[in-house]
Amino acid sequence: MAHNPSSHGTATVSVTDGVFVGSIAEAGRTTWSGSVPLLTLALLVGIPPLLMWLVWLVGTPRTNHADSSAANQARQQELYATDSRTEFTESSPSRRRVREES
């Protein structure tokens, strides 16, 4: 029907007893007809996105959101110059504090 602009036809879709039924007729002659049960249609629409989500879920590294306490401790030691043997933070008074106290 799309190739010949002068042709006329009809397309119908209906649901009966849990089955989608569709047909296309051109000039009173059926050119295509098909049917699919509701459950099959729901599975065809729902299963591929579910499988894609599961593949994404399994493929995502779990360490992205894990609490890496060892890495946090290493960062703390680098930032605050902690001594790993004593776990005390080495601190010296600031120049401003030294001037204020003197």
PDB file of N, CA and C in Angstrom:
ATOM      1  N   MET A   1       0.813  -1.184   0.000  1.00  0.00           N
ATOM      2  CA  MET A   1       0.000   0.000   0.000  1.00  0.00           C
ATOM      3  C   MET A   1       0.861   1.253   0.000  1.00  0.00           C
ATOM      4  N   ALA A   2       2.028   1.211   0.628  1.00  0.00           N
ATOM      5  CA  ALA A   2       2.871   2.402   0.706  1.00  0.00           C
ATOM      6  C   ALA A   2       3.523   2.712  -0.631  1.00  0.00           C
ATOM      7  N   HIS A   3       3.701   1.730  -1.489  1.00  0.00           N
ATOM      8  CA  HIS A   3       4.387   1.947  -2.748  1.00  0.00           C
ATOM      9  C   HIS A   3       3.475   2.522  -3.834  1.00  0.00           C
ATOM     10  N   ASN A   4       2.183   2.266  -3.732  1.00  0.00           N
ATOM     11  CA  ASN A   4       1.237   2.735  -4.742  1.00  0.00           C
ATOM     12  C   ASN A   4       0.278   3.728  -4.089  1.00  0.00           C
ATOM     13  N   PRO A   5       0.397   5.029  -4.368  1.00  0.00           N
ATOM     14  CA  PRO A   5      -0.455   6.017  -3.702  1.00  0.00           C
ATOM     15  C   PRO A   5      -1.928   5.910  -4.073  1.00  0.00           C
ATOM     16  N   SER A   6      -2.272   5.278  -5.161  1.00  0.00           N
ATOM     17  CA  SER A   6      -3.683   5.193  -5.544  1.00  0.00           C
ATOM     18  C   SER A   6      -4.385   3.996  -4.910  1.00  0.00           C
ATOM     19  N   SER A   7      -3.650   3.112  -4.240  1.00  0.00           N
ATOM     20  CA  SER A   7      -4.295   1.945  -3.619  1.00  0.00           C
ATOM     21  C   SER A   7      -4.879   2.320  -2.266  1.00  0.00           C
ATOM     22  N   HIS A   8      -5.908   1.576  -1.871  1.00  0.00           N
ATOM     23  CA  HIS A   8      -6.569   1.800  -0.586  1.00  0.00           C
ATOM     24  C   HIS A   8      -6.619   0.474   0.147  1.00  0.00           C
ATOM     25  N   GLY A   9      -6.543   0.568   1.467  1.00  0.00           N
ATOM     26  CA  GLY A   9      -6.595  -0.655   2.255  1.00  0.00           C
ATOM     27  C   GLY A   9      -6.973  -0.354   3.691  1.00  0.00           C
ATOM     28  N   THR A  10      -6.998  -1.401   4.487  1.00  0.00           N
ATOM     29  CA  THR A  10      -7.348  -1.270   5.896  1.00  0.00           C
ATOM     30  C   THR A  10      -6.355  -2.063   6.726  1.00  0.00           C
ATOM     31  N   ALA A  11      -6.186  -1.603   7.933  1.00  0.00           N
ATOM     32  CA  ALA A  11      -5.355  -2.307   8.909  1.00  0.00           C
ATOM     33  C   ALA A  11      -6.161  -2.397  10.191  1.00  0.00           C
ATOM     34  N   THR A  12      -6.225  -3.571  10.772  1.00  0.00           N
ATOM     35  CA  THR A  12      -6.990  -3.773  11.996  1.00  0.00           C
ATOM     36  C   THR A  12      -6.152  -4.504  13.032  1.00  0.00           C
ATOM     37  N   VAL A  13      -6.387  -4.150  14.273  1.00  0.00           N
ATOM     38  CA  VAL A  13      -5.770  -4.821  15.415  1.00  0.00           C
ATOM     39  C   VAL A  13      -6.875  -5.022  16.442  1.00  0.00           C
ATOM     40  N   SER A  14      -6.949  -6.227  16.984  1.00  0.00           N
ATOM     41  CA  SER A  14      -7.959  -6.498  18.003  1.00  0.00           C
ATOM     42  C   SER A  14      -7.388  -7.456  19.044  1.00  0.00           C
ATOM     43  N   VAL A  15      -8.045  -7.477  20.185  1.00  0.00           N
ATOM     44  CA  VAL A  15      -7.664  -8.385  21.275  1.00  0.00           C
ATOM     45  C   VAL A  15      -8.880  -9.236  21.596  1.00  0.00           C
ATOM     46  N   THR A  16      -8.727 -10.540  21.451  1.00  0.00           N
ATOM     47  CA  THR A  16      -9.816 -11.456  21.786  1.00  0.00           C
ATOM     48  C   THR A  16      -9.251 -12.646  22.540  1.00  0.00           C
ATOM     49  N   ASP A  17      -9.829 -12.941  23.679  1.00  0.00           N
ATOM     50  CA  ASP A  17      -9.442 -14.081  24.506  1.00  0.00           C
ATOM     51  C   ASP A  17      -7.942 -14.116  24.807  1.00  0.00           C
ATOM     52  N   GLY A  18      -7.360 -12.954  25.089  1.00  0.00           N
ATOM     53  CA  GLY A  18      -5.953 -12.890  25.449  1.00  0.00           C
ATOM     54  C   GLY A  18      -5.003 -13.047  24.283  1.00  0.00           C
ATOM     55  N   VAL A  19      -5.470 -12.785  23.054  1.00  0.00           N
ATOM     56  CA  VAL A  19      -4.626 -12.898  21.863  1.00  0.00           C
ATOM     57  C   VAL A  19      -4.762 -11.611  21.056  1.00  0.00           C
ATOM     58  N   PHE A  20      -3.618 -11.007  20.722  1.00  0.00           N
ATOM     59  CA  PHE A  20      -3.617  -9.870  19.809  1.00  0.00           C
ATOM     60  C   PHE A  20      -3.688 -10.403  18.390  1.00  0.00           C
ATOM     61  N   VAL A  21      -4.625  -9.876  17.613  1.00  0.00           N
ATOM     62  CA  VAL A  21      -4.796 -10.293  16.226  1.00  0.00           C
ATOM     63  C   VAL A  21      -4.696  -9.045  15.359  1.00  0.00           C
ATOM     64  N   GLY A  22      -3.881  -9.102  14.318  1.00  0.00           N
ATOM     65  CA  GLY A  22      -3.726  -7.981  13.408  1.00  0.00           C
ATOM     66  C   GLY A  22      -3.808  -8.451  11.972  1.00  0.00           C
ATOM     67  N   SER A  23      -4.324  -7.586  11.110  1.00  0.00           N
ATOM     68  CA  SER A  23      -4.386  -7.923   9.685  1.00  0.00           C
ATOM     69  C   SER A  23      -4.337  -6.658   8.846  1.00  0.00           C
ATOM     70  N   ILE A  24      -3.813  -6.812   7.646  1.00  0.00           N
ATOM     71  CA  ILE A  24      -3.762  -5.726   6.669  1.00  0.00           C
ATOM     72  C   ILE A  24      -4.410  -6.251   5.402  1.00  0.00           C
ATOM     73  N   ALA A  25      -5.385  -5.488   4.886  1.00  0.00           N
ATOM     74  CA  ALA A  25      -6.097  -5.876   3.657  1.00  0.00           C
ATOM     75  C   ALA A  25      -5.968  -4.752   2.646  1.00  0.00           C
ATOM     76  N   GLU A  26      -5.749  -5.148   1.400  1.00  0.00           N
ATOM     77  CA  GLU A  26      -5.635  -4.184   0.309  1.00  0.00           C
ATOM     78  C   GLU A  26      -6.612  -4.591  -0.781  1.00  0.00           C
ATOM     79  N   ALA A  27      -7.476  -3.667  -1.129  1.00  0.00           N
ATOM     80  CA  ALA A  27      -8.485  -3.892  -2.168  1.00  0.00           C
ATOM     81  C   ALA A  27      -9.332  -5.124  -1.868  1.00  0.00           C
ATOM     82  N   GLY A  28      -9.696  -5.287  -0.596  1.00  0.00           N
ATOM     83  CA  GLY A  28     -10.554  -6.409  -0.224  1.00  0.00           C
ATOM     84  C   GLY A  28      -9.828  -7.735  -0.094  1.00  0.00           C
ATOM     85  N   ARG A  29      -8.525  -7.764  -0.297  1.00  0.00           N
ATOM     86  CA  ARG A  29      -7.751  -9.013  -0.219  1.00  0.00           C
ATOM     87  C   ARG A  29      -6.760  -8.884   0.940  1.00  0.00           C
ATOM     88  N   THR A  30      -6.704  -9.874   1.823  1.00  0.00           N
ATOM     89  CA  THR A  30      -5.797  -9.863   2.971  1.00  0.00           C
ATOM     90  C   THR A  30      -4.369 -10.081   2.488  1.00  0.00           C
ATOM     91  N   THR A  31      -3.507  -9.097   2.788  1.00  0.00           N
ATOM     92  CA  THR A  31      -2.108  -9.218   2.385  1.00  0.00           C
ATOM     93  C   THR A  31      -1.217  -9.678   3.532  1.00  0.00           C
ATOM     94  N   TRP A  32      -1.658  -9.445   4.770  1.00  0.00           N
ATOM     95  CA  TRP A  32      -0.894  -9.912   5.936  1.00  0.00           C
ATOM     96  C   TRP A  32      -1.848 -10.094   7.096  1.00  0.00           C
ATOM     97  N   SER A  33      -1.614 -11.148   7.866  1.00  0.00           N
ATOM     98  CA  SER A  33      -2.354 -11.336   9.121  1.00  0.00           C
ATOM     99  C   SER A  33      -1.443 -12.057  10.101  1.00  0.00           C
ATOM    100  N   GLY A  34      -1.630 -11.760  11.376  1.00  0.00           N
ATOM    101  CA  GLY A  34      -0.808 -12.389  12.409  1.00  0.00           C
ATOM    102  C   GLY A  34      -1.476 -12.283  13.758  1.00  0.00           C
ATOM    103  N   SER A  35      -1.033 -13.126  14.680  1.00  0.00           N
ATOM    104  CA  SER A  35      -1.569 -13.096  16.031  1.00  0.00           C
ATOM    105  C   SER A  35      -0.472 -13.504  17.009  1.00  0.00           C
ATOM    106  N   VAL A  36      -0.595 -13.003  18.231  1.00  0.00           N
ATOM    107  CA  VAL A  36       0.366 -13.325  19.280  1.00  0.00           C
ATOM    108  C   VAL A  36      -0.383 -13.299  20.618  1.00  0.00           C
ATOM    109  N   PRO A  37      -0.166 -14.320  21.467  1.00  0.00           N
ATOM    110  CA  PRO A  37      -0.797 -14.317  22.793  1.00  0.00           C
ATOM    111  C   PRO A  37      -0.246 -13.179  23.659  1.00  0.00           C
ATOM    112  N   LEU A  38      -1.059 -12.697  24.597  1.00  0.00           N
ATOM    113  CA  LEU A  38      -0.665 -11.598  25.470  1.00  0.00           C
ATOM    114  C   LEU A  38       0.587 -11.931  26.283  1.00  0.00           C
ATOM    115  N   LEU A  39       0.673 -13.153  26.807  1.00  0.00           N
ATOM    116  CA  LEU A  39       1.828 -13.541  27.609  1.00  0.00           C
ATOM    117  C   LEU A  39       3.103 -13.504  26.771  1.00  0.00           C
ATOM    118  N   THR A  40       3.038 -14.024  25.552  1.00  0.00           N
ATOM    119  CA  THR A  40       4.202 -14.008  24.676  1.00  0.00           C
ATOM    120  C   THR A  40       4.617 -12.576  24.354  1.00  0.00           C
ATOM    121  N   LEU A  41       3.653 -11.720  24.085  1.00  0.00           N
ATOM    122  CA  LEU A  41       3.949 -10.327  23.796  1.00  0.00           C
ATOM    123  C   LEU A  41       4.569  -9.638  25.009  1.00  0.00           C
ATOM    124  N   ALA A  42       4.033  -9.912  26.195  1.00  0.00           N
ATOM    125  CA  ALA A  42       4.589  -9.315  27.408  1.00  0.00           C
ATOM    126  C   ALA A  42       6.027  -9.783  27.636  1.00  0.00           C
ATOM    127  N   LEU A  43       6.303 -11.052  27.387  1.00  0.00           N
ATOM    128  CA  LEU A  43       7.665 -11.567  27.546  1.00  0.00           C
ATOM    129  C   LEU A  43       8.604 -10.977  26.501  1.00  0.00           C
ATOM    130  N   LEU A  44       8.130 -10.825  25.265  1.00  0.00           N
ATOM    131  CA  LEU A  44       8.960 -10.230  24.218  1.00  0.00           C
ATOM    132  C   LEU A  44       9.304  -8.781  24.532  1.00  0.00           C
ATOM    133  N   VAL A  45       8.403  -8.069  25.185  1.00  0.00           N
ATOM    134  CA  VAL A  45       8.640  -6.674  25.523  1.00  0.00           C
ATOM    135  C   VAL A  45       9.437  -6.546  26.821  1.00  0.00           C
ATOM    136  N   GLY A  46       9.218  -7.442  27.777  1.00  0.00           N
ATOM    137  CA  GLY A  46       9.824  -7.297  29.103  1.00  0.00           C
ATOM    138  C   GLY A  46      11.153  -7.994  29.316  1.00  0.00           C
ATOM    139  N   ILE A  47      11.399  -9.117  28.674  1.00  0.00           N
ATOM    140  CA  ILE A  47      12.602  -9.907  28.934  1.00  0.00           C
ATOM    141  C   ILE A  47      13.880  -9.218  28.433  1.00  0.00           C
ATOM    142  N   PRO A  48      13.950  -8.670  27.221  1.00  0.00           N
ATOM    143  CA  PRO A  48      15.220  -8.053  26.790  1.00  0.00           C
ATOM    144  C   PRO A  48      15.732  -6.934  27.705  1.00  0.00           C
ATOM    145  N   PRO A  49      14.895  -5.996  28.162  1.00  0.00           N
ATOM    146  CA  PRO A  49      15.428  -4.991  29.095  1.00  0.00           C
ATOM    147  C   PRO A  49      15.876  -5.612  30.424  1.00  0.00           C
ATOM    148  N   LEU A  50      15.165  -6.626  30.887  1.00  0.00           N
ATOM    149  CA  LEU A  50      15.555  -7.298  32.123  1.00  0.00           C
ATOM    150  C   LEU A  50      16.908  -7.978  31.963  1.00  0.00           C
ATOM    151  N   LEU A  51      17.131  -8.636  30.853  1.00  0.00           N
ATOM    152  CA  LEU A  51      18.419  -9.289  30.602  1.00  0.00           C
ATOM    153  C   LEU A  51      19.538  -8.257  30.483  1.00  0.00           C
ATOM    154  N   MET A  52      19.265  -7.150  29.819  1.00  0.00           N
ATOM    155  CA  MET A  52      20.284  -6.100  29.704  1.00  0.00           C
ATOM    156  C   MET A  52      20.644  -5.539  31.073  1.00  0.00           C
ATOM    157  N   TRP A  53      19.658  -5.369  31.948  1.00  0.00           N
ATOM    158  CA  TRP A  53      19.910  -4.875  33.294  1.00  0.00           C
ATOM    159  C   TRP A  53      20.732  -5.881  34.087  1.00  0.00           C
ATOM    160  N   LEU A  54      20.413  -7.171  33.965  1.00  0.00           N
ATOM    161  CA  LEU A  54      21.175  -8.191  34.677  1.00  0.00           C
ATOM    162  C   LEU A  54      22.618  -8.249  34.191  1.00  0.00           C
ATOM    163  N   VAL A  55      22.832  -8.133  32.888  1.00  0.00           N
ATOM    164  CA  VAL A  55      24.199  -8.124  32.354  1.00  0.00           C
ATOM    165  C   VAL A  55      24.950  -6.912  32.889  1.00  0.00           C
ATOM    166  N   TRP A  56      24.295  -5.762  32.936  1.00  0.00           N
ATOM    167  CA  TRP A  56      24.928  -4.564  33.478  1.00  0.00           C
ATOM    168  C   TRP A  56      25.250  -4.751  34.955  1.00  0.00           C
ATOM    169  N   LEU A  57      24.322  -5.345  35.707  1.00  0.00           N
ATOM    170  CA  LEU A  57      24.514  -5.535  37.136  1.00  0.00           C
ATOM    171  C   LEU A  57      25.683  -6.469  37.415  1.00  0.00           C
ATOM    172  N   VAL A  58      25.785  -7.551  36.668  1.00  0.00           N
ATOM    173  CA  VAL A  58      26.868  -8.507  36.859  1.00  0.00           C
ATOM    174  C   VAL A  58      28.191  -7.923  36.376  1.00  0.00           C
ATOM    175  N   GLY A  59      28.155  -7.130  35.318  1.00  0.00           N
ATOM    176  CA  GLY A  59      29.379  -6.580  34.750  1.00  0.00           C
ATOM    177  C   GLY A  59      29.942  -5.393  35.495  1.00  0.00           C
ATOM    178  N   THR A  60      29.158  -4.746  36.363  1.00  0.00           N
ATOM    179  CA  THR A  60      29.634  -3.598  37.108  1.00  0.00           C
ATOM    180  C   THR A  60      30.544  -4.055  38.243  1.00  0.00           C
ATOM    181  N   PRO A  61      31.749  -3.504  38.355  1.00  0.00           N
ATOM    182  CA  PRO A  61      32.644  -3.899  39.443  1.00  0.00           C
ATOM    183  C   PRO A  61      32.055  -3.514  40.792  1.00  0.00           C
ATOM    184  N   ARG A  62      32.134  -4.416  41.717  1.00  0.00           N
ATOM    185  CA  ARG A  62      31.590  -4.160  43.050  1.00  0.00           C
ATOM    186  C   ARG A  62      32.508  -3.264  43.869  1.00  0.00           C
ATOM    187  N   THR A  63      33.744  -3.086  43.460  1.00  0.00           N
ATOM    188  CA  THR A  63      34.673  -2.273  44.235  1.00  0.00           C
ATOM    189  C   THR A  63      34.428  -0.786  44.072  1.00  0.00           C
ATOM    190  N   ASN A  64      33.610  -0.388  43.121  1.00  0.00           N
ATOM    191  CA  ASN A  64      33.330   1.033  42.940  1.00  0.00           C
ATOM    192  C   ASN A  64      32.651   1.635  44.157  1.00  0.00           C
ATOM    193  N   HIS A  65      31.799   0.869  44.810  1.00  0.00           N
ATOM    194  CA  HIS A  65      31.026   1.398  45.921  1.00  0.00           C
ATOM    195  C   HIS A  65      31.425   0.769  47.253  1.00  0.00           C
ATOM    196  N   ALA A  66      32.457  -0.016  47.253  1.00  0.00           N
ATOM    197  CA  ALA A  66      32.878  -0.668  48.490  1.00  0.00           C
ATOM    198  C   ALA A  66      33.648   0.325  49.361  1.00  0.00           C
ATOM    199  N   ASP A  67      33.600   0.110  50.660  1.00  0.00           N
ATOM    200  CA  ASP A  67      34.329   0.954  51.592  1.00  0.00           C
ATOM    201  C   ASP A  67      35.772   0.481  51.614  1.00  0.00           C
ATOM    202  N   SER A  68      36.653   1.275  51.092  1.00  0.00           N
ATOM    203  CA  SER A  68      38.062   0.892  51.044  1.00  0.00           C
ATOM    204  C   SER A  68      38.775   1.558  52.211  1.00  0.00           C
ATOM    205  N   SER A  69      38.702   0.925  53.373  1.00  0.00           N
ATOM    206  CA  SER A  69      39.283   1.520  54.569  1.00  0.00           C
ATOM    207  C   SER A  69      40.792   1.602  54.483  1.00  0.00           C
ATOM    208  N   ALA A  70      41.439   0.653  53.822  1.00  0.00           N
ATOM    209  CA  ALA A  70      42.895   0.701  53.694  1.00  0.00           C
ATOM    210  C   ALA A  70      43.320   1.908  52.871  1.00  0.00           C
ATOM    211  N   ALA A  71      42.590   2.188  51.789  1.00  0.00           N
ATOM    212  CA  ALA A  71      42.912   3.342  50.966  1.00  0.00           C
ATOM    213  C   ALA A  71      42.646   4.637  51.726  1.00  0.00           C
ATOM    214  N   ASN A  72      41.582   4.656  52.523  1.00  0.00           N
ATOM    215  CA  ASN A  72      41.283   5.848  53.312  1.00  0.00           C
ATOM    216  C   ASN A  72      42.355   6.090  54.358  1.00  0.00           C
ATOM    217  N   GLN A  73      42.858   5.034  54.971  1.00  0.00           N
ATOM    218  CA  GLN A  73      43.912   5.186  55.969  1.00  0.00           C
ATOM    219  C   GLN A  73      45.188   5.694  55.320  1.00  0.00           C
ATOM    220  N   ALA A  74      45.494   5.199  54.129  1.00  0.00           N
ATOM    221  CA  ALA A  74      46.688   5.667  53.428  1.00  0.00           C
ATOM    222  C   ALA A  74      46.561   7.142  53.094  1.00  0.00           C
ATOM    223  N   ARG A  75      45.384   7.566  52.664  1.00  0.00           N
ATOM    224  CA  ARG A  75      45.181   8.986  52.361  1.00  0.00           C
ATOM    225  C   ARG A  75      45.316   9.837  53.619  1.00  0.00           C
ATOM    226  N   GLN A  76      44.787   9.341  54.732  1.00  0.00           N
ATOM    227  CA  GLN A  76      44.891  10.076  55.990  1.00  0.00           C
ATOM    228  C   GLN A  76      46.353  10.236  56.384  1.00  0.00           C
ATOM    229  N   GLN A  77      47.129   9.182  56.220  1.00  0.00           N
ATOM    230  CA  GLN A  77      48.542   9.262  56.565  1.00  0.00           C
ATOM    231  C   GLN A  77      49.257  10.265  55.673  1.00  0.00           C
ATOM    232  N   GLU A  78      48.907  10.306  54.393  1.00  0.00           N
ATOM    233  CA  GLU A  78      49.545  11.260  53.494  1.00  0.00           C
ATOM    234  C   GLU A  78      49.132  12.687  53.819  1.00  0.00           C
ATOM    235  N   LEU A  79      47.859  12.889  54.133  1.00  0.00           N
ATOM    236  CA  LEU A  79      47.378  14.239  54.383  1.00  0.00           C
ATOM    237  C   LEU A  79      47.856  14.791  55.721  1.00  0.00           C
ATOM    238  N   TYR A  80      47.835  13.976  56.752  1.00  0.00           N
ATOM    239  CA  TYR A  80      48.130  14.465  58.093  1.00  0.00           C
ATOM    240  C   TYR A  80      49.487  14.013  58.600  1.00  0.00           C
ATOM    241  N   ALA A  81      50.282  13.377  57.786  1.00  0.00           N
ATOM    242  CA  ALA A  81      51.624  12.922  58.152  1.00  0.00           C
ATOM    243  C   ALA A  81      51.594  12.086  59.418  1.00  0.00           C
ATOM    244  N   THR A  82      50.702  11.120  59.482  1.00  0.00           N
ATOM    245  CA  THR A  82      50.637  10.265  60.660  1.00  0.00           C
ATOM    246  C   THR A  82      51.749   9.239  60.615  1.00  0.00           C
ATOM    247  N   ASP A  83      52.201   8.867  61.769  1.00  0.00           N
ATOM    248  CA  ASP A  83      53.227   7.845  61.903  1.00  0.00           C
ATOM    249  C   ASP A  83      52.515   6.508  61.997  1.00  0.00           C
ATOM    250  N   SER A  84      52.776   5.611  61.078  1.00  0.00           N
ATOM    251  CA  SER A  84      52.052   4.345  61.048  1.00  0.00           C
ATOM    252  C   SER A  84      52.376   3.473  62.247  1.00  0.00           C
ATOM    253  N   ARG A  85      53.509   3.723  62.921  1.00  0.00           N
ATOM    254  CA  ARG A  85      53.868   2.898  64.085  1.00  0.00           C
ATOM    255  C   ARG A  85      53.121   3.341  65.327  1.00  0.00           C
ATOM    256  N   THR A  86      52.862   4.619  65.453  1.00  0.00           N
ATOM    257  CA  THR A  86      52.249   5.111  66.684  1.00  0.00           C
ATOM    258  C   THR A  86      50.833   5.628  66.487  1.00  0.00           C
ATOM    259  N   GLU A  87      50.452   5.873  65.237  1.00  0.00           N
ATOM    260  CA  GLU A  87      49.138   6.415  64.911  1.00  0.00           C
ATOM    261  C   GLU A  87      48.911   7.790  65.533  1.00  0.00           C
ATOM    262  N   PHE A  88      49.992   8.515  65.830  1.00  0.00           N
ATOM    263  CA  PHE A  88      49.862   9.878  66.308  1.00  0.00           C
ATOM    264  C   PHE A  88      50.094  10.825  65.144  1.00  0.00           C
ATOM    265  N   THR A  89      49.388  11.902  65.164  1.00  0.00           N
ATOM    266  CA  THR A  89      49.544  12.894  64.107  1.00  0.00           C
ATOM    267  C   THR A  89      50.615  13.890  64.527  1.00  0.00           C
ATOM    268  N   GLU A  90      51.610  14.039  63.662  1.00  0.00           N
ATOM    269  CA  GLU A  90      52.661  15.010  63.928  1.00  0.00           C
ATOM    270  C   GLU A  90      52.142  16.378  63.530  1.00  0.00           C
ATOM    271  N   SER A  91      52.205  17.308  64.454  1.00  0.00           N
ATOM    272  CA  SER A  91      51.748  18.646  64.122  1.00  0.00           C
ATOM    273  C   SER A  91      52.694  19.657  64.739  1.00  0.00           C
ATOM    274  N   SER A  92      52.933  20.681  64.020  1.00  0.00           N
ATOM    275  CA  SER A  92      53.750  21.773  64.542  1.00  0.00           C
ATOM    276  C   SER A  92      52.888  23.017  64.532  1.00  0.00           C
ATOM    277  N   PRO A  93      53.112  23.914  65.464  1.00  0.00           N
ATOM    278  CA  PRO A  93      52.283  25.113  65.499  1.00  0.00           C
ATOM    279  C   PRO A  93      52.519  25.960  64.258  1.00  0.00           C
ATOM    280  N   SER A  94      51.490  26.629  63.847  1.00  0.00           N
ATOM    281  CA  SER A  94      51.612  27.481  62.670  1.00  0.00           C
ATOM    282  C   SER A  94      52.439  28.716  63.006  1.00  0.00           C
ATOM    283  N   ARG A  95      52.939  29.374  61.976  1.00  0.00           N
ATOM    284  CA  ARG A  95      53.744  30.583  62.181  1.00  0.00           C
ATOM    285  C   ARG A  95      52.924  31.676  62.862  1.00  0.00           C
ATOM    286  N   ARG A  96      51.645  31.750  62.512  1.00  0.00           N
ATOM    287  CA  ARG A  96      50.794  32.773  63.115  1.00  0.00           C
ATOM    288  C   ARG A  96      50.632  32.530  64.614  1.00  0.00           C
ATOM    289  N   ARG A  97      50.429  31.278  64.988  1.00  0.00           N
ATOM    290  CA  ARG A  97      50.254  30.947  66.395  1.00  0.00           C
ATOM    291  C   ARG A  97      51.541  31.240  67.168  1.00  0.00           C
ATOM    292  N   VAL A  98      52.677  30.941  66.550  1.00  0.00           N
ATOM    293  CA  VAL A  98      53.956  31.209  67.216  1.00  0.00           C
ATOM    294  C   VAL A  98      54.118  32.701  67.438  1.00  0.00           C
ATOM    295  N   ARG A  99      53.761  33.528  66.437  1.00  0.00           N
ATOM    296  CA  ARG A  99      53.852  34.985  66.607  1.00  0.00           C
ATOM    297  C   ARG A  99      52.888  35.482  67.647  1.00  0.00           C
ATOM    298  N   GLU A 100      51.678  34.896  67.718  1.00  0.00           N
ATOM    299  CA  GLU A 100      50.700  35.350  68.712  1.00  0.00           C
ATOM    300  C   GLU A 100      51.126  35.009  70.119  1.00  0.00           C
ATOM    301  N   GLU A 101      51.772  33.881  70.274  1.00  0.00           N
ATOM    302  CA  GLU A 101      52.183  33.461  71.624  1.00  0.00           C
ATOM    303  C   GLU A 101      53.414  34.194  72.108  1.00  0.00           C
ATOM    304  N   SER A 102      54.207  34.711  71.222  1.00  0.00           N
ATOM    305  CA  SER A 102      55.430  35.384  71.672  1.00  0.00           C
ATOM    306  C   SER A 102      55.252  36.848  71.921  1.00  0.00           C
TER     307      SER A 102
END
